[in-house]
Amino acid sequence: MAGKVVLITGAGRGIGKRLALEFAARGANVALVARSRAELDLTNLEIQHSGGSSARFAGDVRDREFLAVTANSAAVKFGHAVEILICAAGIQGPIGPTVEADAKAWWDVIETNLGGTVNACRAVLPGMIGNRSGKLIALTGGGVASARPNFSAYAASKTAIARFMETLAAEVAEHNVQANCMSPGGAYTAMTDEILRAGDRAGEAEVQRAEQVRLTGGAATDRQLNLALLLASPKSNHITGRLFHVNDDWERMAHMTLDTDAYTLRRLQRDQPERGRT
């Protein structure tokens, strides 16, 4: 990662901040993006006190112009166009039955999680295409692999991100740009506390999982970081349009060719007695 220009949205807290600190520790120049200026200042301060290189840009990922300006400013600041994008910005939104959810709050989740990812990718892609090299990484979450009752906005947004990244991967493959998703598993963040406060509206199973994450810290930090580092490195140049969970056996992917549909968004299948599965 030494000398690479990395732009990370949602870098003020949670997994986004964790990734920002790790990439900076490995020598990357990190452009930090988040809405909270106070949180950005703290992340930036931690990086620079550790001898790292970073710059902070406070703004909303729903703002396309802000992200376009940020990508250009990062290129000027660090002397090179953004080479790695990590989309970690996201909100959980309404918790409870969809029919009872506030309509605006529900759509805010789609606009922030999905729209923010689209905006960030559009902002950095011209530079990546021009340089014929780039890595796009988007964080997904619960609700992508299976239904997630009482979290419909979050689940829908994260599933849409996975399909968007698969589609984008096919569009930019000829430019040597790879686009992948990573599901970081349960991690203790502000979202965990939101679930616990929601109580019955979240559902018993969700509350139990959140309590477990709060007690244990969730998925192993080193696996989260190493998966992101793999997807950002030349070792994954042959991997694109994929969705990896932190608990998948992804280490071996650096040394093998994947089947066409392996680690892609799950597709509906139906029995066809005469023709098998399709």
Protein backbone atom coordinates (compact mmCIF):
# COMPACT_ATOMS: atom_id res chain seq x y z
CA MET A 1 0.00 0.00 0.00
CA ALA A 2 3.00 2.31 0.29
CA GLY A 3 2.36 5.52 -1.62
CA LYS A 4 -1.08 4.48 -2.84
CA VAL A 5 -3.87 7.07 -2.80
CA VAL A 6 -6.88 5.60 -0.99
CA LEU A 7 -10.24 7.32 -0.57
CA ILE A 8 -12.44 5.95 2.22
CA THR A 9 -16.00 7.09 2.83
CA GLY A 10 -17.41 6.65 6.32
CA ALA A 11 -13.89 7.06 7.69
CA GLY A 12 -14.93 8.89 10.84
CA ARG A 13 -15.95 5.86 12.86
CA GLY A 14 -16.66 2.14 12.84
CA ILE A 15 -15.18 -0.14 10.21
CA GLY A 16 -14.40 2.78 7.90
CA LYS A 17 -12.15 4.33 10.52
CA ARG A 18 -10.57 0.96 11.28
CA LEU A 19 -9.67 0.53 7.61
CA ALA A 20 -8.39 4.10 7.33
CA LEU A 21 -6.00 3.58 10.24
CA GLU A 22 -4.73 0.29 8.81
CA PHE A 23 -4.14 1.56 5.28
CA ALA A 24 -2.36 4.64 6.62
CA ALA A 25 -0.20 2.44 8.86
CA ARG A 26 0.86 0.54 5.74
CA GLY A 27 2.03 3.69 4.00
CA ALA A 28 -1.02 4.72 2.00
CA ASN A 29 -2.09 8.33 1.52
CA VAL A 30 -5.64 8.28 2.84
CA ALA A 31 -8.41 10.71 1.90
CA LEU A 32 -10.91 10.59 4.76
CA VAL A 33 -14.57 11.29 3.99
CA ALA A 34 -17.44 11.54 6.48
CA ARG A 35 -20.24 13.89 7.50
CA SER A 36 -18.96 14.55 11.02
CA ARG A 37 -16.07 17.01 11.02
CA ALA A 38 -15.27 16.18 14.67
CA GLU A 39 -14.95 12.46 13.94
CA LEU A 40 -12.87 13.16 10.85
CA ASP A 41 -10.56 15.41 12.82
CA LEU A 42 -9.98 12.64 15.35
CA THR A 43 -9.24 10.00 12.70
CA ASN A 44 -6.92 12.39 10.91
CA LEU A 45 -5.15 13.25 14.16
CA GLU A 46 -4.61 9.57 15.03
CA ILE A 47 -3.11 8.88 11.61
CA GLN A 48 -0.79 11.85 11.63
CA HIS A 49 0.35 11.26 15.21
CA SER A 50 1.33 7.76 14.08
CA GLY A 51 3.39 9.19 11.21
CA GLY A 52 0.83 8.49 8.51
CA SER A 53 -0.40 10.59 5.60
CA SER A 54 -4.03 11.69 5.41
CA ALA A 55 -6.38 14.52 4.50
CA ARG A 56 -9.96 15.05 5.66
CA PHE A 57 -13.00 16.04 3.60
CA ALA A 58 -16.25 16.63 5.47
CA GLY A 59 -19.43 16.19 3.46
CA ASP A 60 -22.38 14.00 2.54
CA VAL A 61 -21.88 11.08 0.14
CA ARG A 62 -25.32 11.84 -1.30
CA ASP A 63 -23.77 15.00 -2.77
CA ARG A 64 -22.29 14.02 -6.15
CA GLU A 65 -20.51 17.33 -6.64
CA PHE A 66 -18.87 17.12 -3.21
CA LEU A 67 -17.42 13.70 -3.99
CA ALA A 68 -16.21 14.77 -7.43
CA VAL A 69 -14.42 17.75 -5.90
CA THR A 70 -13.03 15.53 -3.13
CA ALA A 71 -11.56 13.04 -5.62
CA ASN A 72 -9.88 15.88 -7.52
CA SER A 73 -8.62 17.52 -4.33
CA ALA A 74 -7.15 14.24 -3.11
CA ALA A 75 -5.31 13.83 -6.42
CA VAL A 76 -3.84 17.31 -6.07
CA LYS A 77 -2.95 16.80 -2.41
CA PHE A 78 -1.19 13.47 -2.91
CA GLY A 79 0.09 13.96 -6.46
CA HIS A 80 -1.83 11.10 -8.01
CA ALA A 81 -5.41 10.16 -8.82
CA VAL A 82 -7.26 7.93 -6.36
CA GLU A 83 -6.15 4.34 -6.89
CA ILE A 84 -8.26 2.58 -4.27
CA LEU A 85 -11.82 3.44 -3.19
CA ILE A 86 -13.43 1.93 -0.11
CA CYS A 87 -17.12 2.72 0.35
CA ALA A 88 -17.82 2.26 4.04
CA ALA A 89 -20.31 5.09 4.60
CA GLY A 90 -23.70 3.78 5.61
CA ILE A 91 -26.68 4.19 7.89
CA GLN A 92 -29.01 1.56 9.32
CA GLY A 93 -32.22 3.53 9.08
CA PRO A 94 -35.65 2.57 10.38
CA ILE A 95 -35.88 -0.57 12.51
CA GLY A 96 -39.25 -2.32 12.59
CA PRO A 97 -41.98 -3.41 10.17
CA THR A 98 -41.73 -1.74 6.78
CA VAL A 99 -45.37 -0.65 6.86
CA GLU A 100 -44.66 1.41 9.98
CA ALA A 101 -41.38 2.97 8.81
CA ASP A 102 -41.11 6.67 8.14
CA ALA A 103 -41.02 6.97 4.34
CA LYS A 104 -38.36 9.67 4.22
CA ALA A 105 -36.09 7.84 6.67
CA TRP A 106 -36.49 4.65 4.62
CA TRP A 107 -35.43 6.36 1.38
CA ASP A 108 -32.59 8.18 3.13
CA VAL A 109 -31.00 4.76 3.66
CA ILE A 110 -31.19 3.96 -0.06
CA GLU A 111 -29.82 7.36 -1.03
CA THR A 112 -26.97 7.18 1.49
CA ASN A 113 -25.91 3.55 1.21
CA LEU A 114 -26.57 2.82 -2.46
CA GLY A 115 -26.52 6.37 -3.81
CA GLY A 116 -23.38 7.22 -1.86
CA THR A 117 -21.59 4.18 -3.27
CA VAL A 118 -22.63 5.06 -6.82
CA ASN A 119 -21.54 8.68 -6.35
CA ALA A 120 -18.15 7.70 -4.94
CA CYS A 121 -17.46 5.24 -7.76
CA ARG A 122 -18.42 7.81 -10.39
CA ALA A 123 -16.11 10.35 -8.75
CA VAL A 124 -12.97 8.20 -8.88
CA LEU A 125 -13.53 6.16 -12.04
CA PRO A 126 -12.36 8.77 -14.58
CA GLY A 127 -8.92 8.80 -12.96
CA MET A 128 -8.78 5.02 -12.68
CA ILE A 129 -9.84 4.53 -16.28
CA GLY A 130 -7.30 7.10 -17.42
CA ASN A 131 -4.54 5.29 -15.54
CA ARG A 132 -5.84 1.84 -16.53
CA SER A 133 -5.71 0.70 -12.93
CA GLY A 134 -7.99 0.85 -9.90
CA LYS A 135 -9.69 -0.95 -7.05
CA LEU A 136 -13.30 -0.35 -5.99
CA ILE A 137 -14.41 -1.94 -2.71
CA ALA A 138 -17.87 -1.56 -1.19
CA LEU A 139 -19.00 -2.82 2.20
CA THR A 140 -22.22 -4.80 2.32
CA GLY A 141 -23.90 -6.24 5.39
CA GLY A 142 -26.77 -8.22 6.86
CA GLY A 143 -29.65 -8.88 4.49
CA VAL A 144 -27.63 -9.58 1.35
CA ALA A 145 -27.50 -13.36 1.61
CA SER A 146 -30.99 -13.78 3.10
CA ALA A 147 -34.04 -11.82 4.21
CA ARG A 148 -33.67 -9.54 7.22
CA PRO A 149 -37.07 -8.73 8.72
CA ASN A 150 -37.43 -5.30 10.36
CA PHE A 151 -34.38 -3.98 8.49
CA SER A 152 -35.85 -3.73 4.99
CA ALA A 153 -34.23 -0.43 4.00
CA TYR A 154 -30.75 -1.52 5.10
CA ALA A 155 -31.08 -4.99 3.54
CA ALA A 156 -32.41 -3.61 0.26
CA SER A 157 -29.65 -1.00 0.01
CA LYS A 158 -26.85 -3.46 0.72
CA THR A 159 -28.21 -6.06 -1.70
CA ALA A 160 -28.48 -3.38 -4.37
CA ILE A 161 -24.85 -2.39 -3.73
CA ALA A 162 -23.75 -5.96 -4.37
CA ARG A 163 -25.55 -6.12 -7.72
CA PHE A 164 -24.34 -2.64 -8.65
CA MET A 165 -20.73 -3.61 -8.01
CA GLU A 166 -21.12 -6.82 -10.03
CA THR A 167 -22.51 -4.81 -12.92
CA LEU A 168 -19.89 -2.09 -12.63
CA ALA A 169 -17.15 -4.74 -12.56
CA ALA A 170 -18.26 -5.96 -15.98
CA GLU A 171 -18.35 -2.41 -17.34
CA VAL A 172 -14.83 -1.44 -16.27
CA ALA A 173 -13.01 -4.76 -16.65
CA GLU A 174 -11.47 -3.70 -19.96
CA HIS A 175 -9.85 -0.75 -18.15
CA ASN A 176 -8.10 -3.00 -15.60
CA VAL A 177 -10.32 -1.78 -12.76
CA GLN A 178 -11.64 -4.34 -10.29
CA ALA A 179 -14.87 -3.86 -8.29
CA ASN A 180 -15.73 -6.11 -5.36
CA CYS A 181 -17.80 -6.21 -2.19
CA MET A 182 -16.82 -7.34 1.28
CA SER A 183 -19.19 -8.22 4.09
CA PRO A 184 -17.24 -7.47 7.30
CA GLY A 185 -19.42 -9.54 9.61
CA GLY A 186 -20.73 -8.39 12.94
CA ALA A 187 -18.69 -5.56 14.43
CA TYR A 188 -19.42 -3.43 17.46
CA THR A 189 -20.40 -0.03 16.08
CA ALA A 190 -23.08 2.60 16.64
CA MET A 191 -25.43 0.37 14.64
CA THR A 192 -25.11 -2.32 17.31
CA ASP A 193 -26.36 0.12 19.93
CA GLU A 194 -29.23 1.15 17.64
CA ILE A 195 -30.40 -2.47 17.49
CA LEU A 196 -30.19 -2.90 21.23
CA ARG A 197 -32.17 0.30 21.83
CA ALA A 198 -34.82 -0.82 19.33
CA GLY A 199 -35.49 -3.97 21.37
CA ASP A 200 -38.65 -5.79 20.24
CA ARG A 201 -38.87 -3.72 17.06
CA ALA A 202 -35.62 -5.32 15.90
CA GLY A 203 -36.70 -8.84 16.78
CA GLU A 204 -35.39 -11.29 19.33
CA ALA A 205 -32.78 -12.88 17.04
CA GLU A 206 -31.32 -9.50 16.06
CA VAL A 207 -31.10 -8.37 19.69
CA GLN A 208 -29.36 -11.59 20.67
CA ARG A 209 -26.82 -11.19 17.89
CA ALA A 210 -26.23 -7.56 18.83
CA GLU A 211 -25.69 -8.50 22.48
CA GLN A 212 -23.18 -11.14 21.41
CA VAL A 213 -21.33 -8.63 19.23
CA ARG A 214 -21.24 -6.14 22.09
CA LEU A 215 -19.75 -8.76 24.40
CA THR A 216 -17.20 -10.22 21.96
CA GLY A 217 -16.50 -7.30 19.64
CA GLY A 218 -17.80 -9.28 16.66
CA ALA A 219 -15.80 -10.58 13.72
CA ALA A 220 -12.04 -10.82 14.05
CA THR A 221 -10.50 -7.47 13.21
CA ASP A 222 -7.50 -8.99 11.46
CA ARG A 223 -9.72 -10.87 9.01
CA GLN A 224 -11.62 -7.69 8.16
CA LEU A 225 -8.42 -5.78 7.55
CA ASN A 226 -6.69 -8.55 5.61
CA LEU A 227 -9.69 -9.09 3.33
CA ALA A 228 -9.76 -5.39 2.49
CA LEU A 229 -6.01 -5.39 1.90
CA LEU A 230 -6.28 -8.38 -0.43
CA LEU A 231 -9.03 -6.76 -2.50
CA ALA A 232 -6.97 -3.55 -2.69
CA SER A 233 -3.75 -5.25 -3.76
CA PRO A 234 -2.41 -6.56 -7.08
CA LYS A 235 -2.91 -10.08 -5.70
CA SER A 236 -6.62 -9.69 -6.54
CA ASN A 237 -6.23 -8.37 -10.09
CA HIS A 238 -7.98 -11.52 -11.32
CA ILE A 239 -10.89 -11.10 -8.89
CA THR A 240 -13.76 -8.77 -9.79
CA GLY A 241 -17.53 -8.64 -9.42
CA ARG A 242 -17.41 -10.77 -6.27
CA LEU A 243 -18.89 -10.65 -2.79
CA PHE A 244 -16.76 -12.07 0.02
CA HIS A 245 -17.81 -12.49 3.63
CA VAL A 246 -15.08 -12.07 6.20
CA ASN A 247 -15.62 -15.72 7.23
CA ASP A 248 -15.30 -17.12 3.70
CA ASP A 249 -12.18 -19.04 2.70
CA TRP A 250 -10.97 -16.03 0.72
CA GLU A 251 -7.25 -16.42 1.44
CA ARG A 252 -6.88 -19.07 -1.23
CA MET A 253 -8.58 -16.87 -3.85
CA ALA A 254 -5.31 -15.04 -4.48
CA HIS A 255 -3.91 -18.26 -5.94
CA MET A 256 -6.81 -19.64 -7.99
CA THR A 257 -9.19 -18.83 -10.82
CA LEU A 258 -12.81 -18.51 -9.70
CA ASP A 259 -15.80 -20.06 -11.41
CA THR A 260 -18.01 -17.53 -13.20
CA ASP A 261 -20.75 -17.49 -10.55
CA ALA A 262 -18.62 -18.14 -7.47
CA TYR A 263 -19.04 -15.52 -4.74
CA THR A 264 -21.56 -13.51 -6.73
CA LEU A 265 -24.93 -12.31 -5.45
CA ARG A 266 -27.07 -15.40 -4.85
CA ARG A 267 -29.46 -16.20 -7.67
CA LEU A 268 -32.91 -17.75 -7.41
CA GLN A 269 -32.96 -21.37 -8.55
CA ARG A 270 -35.86 -23.66 -9.35
CA ASP A 271 -36.09 -27.39 -9.93
CA GLN A 272 -36.30 -28.53 -13.51
CA PRO A 273 -36.57 -32.35 -13.39
CA GLU A 274 -35.66 -32.85 -17.03
CA ARG A 275 -32.90 -30.27 -17.23
CA GLY A 276 -31.49 -30.18 -13.70
CA ARG A 277 -30.80 -27.00 -11.81
CA THR A 278 -30.60 -23.63 -13.53
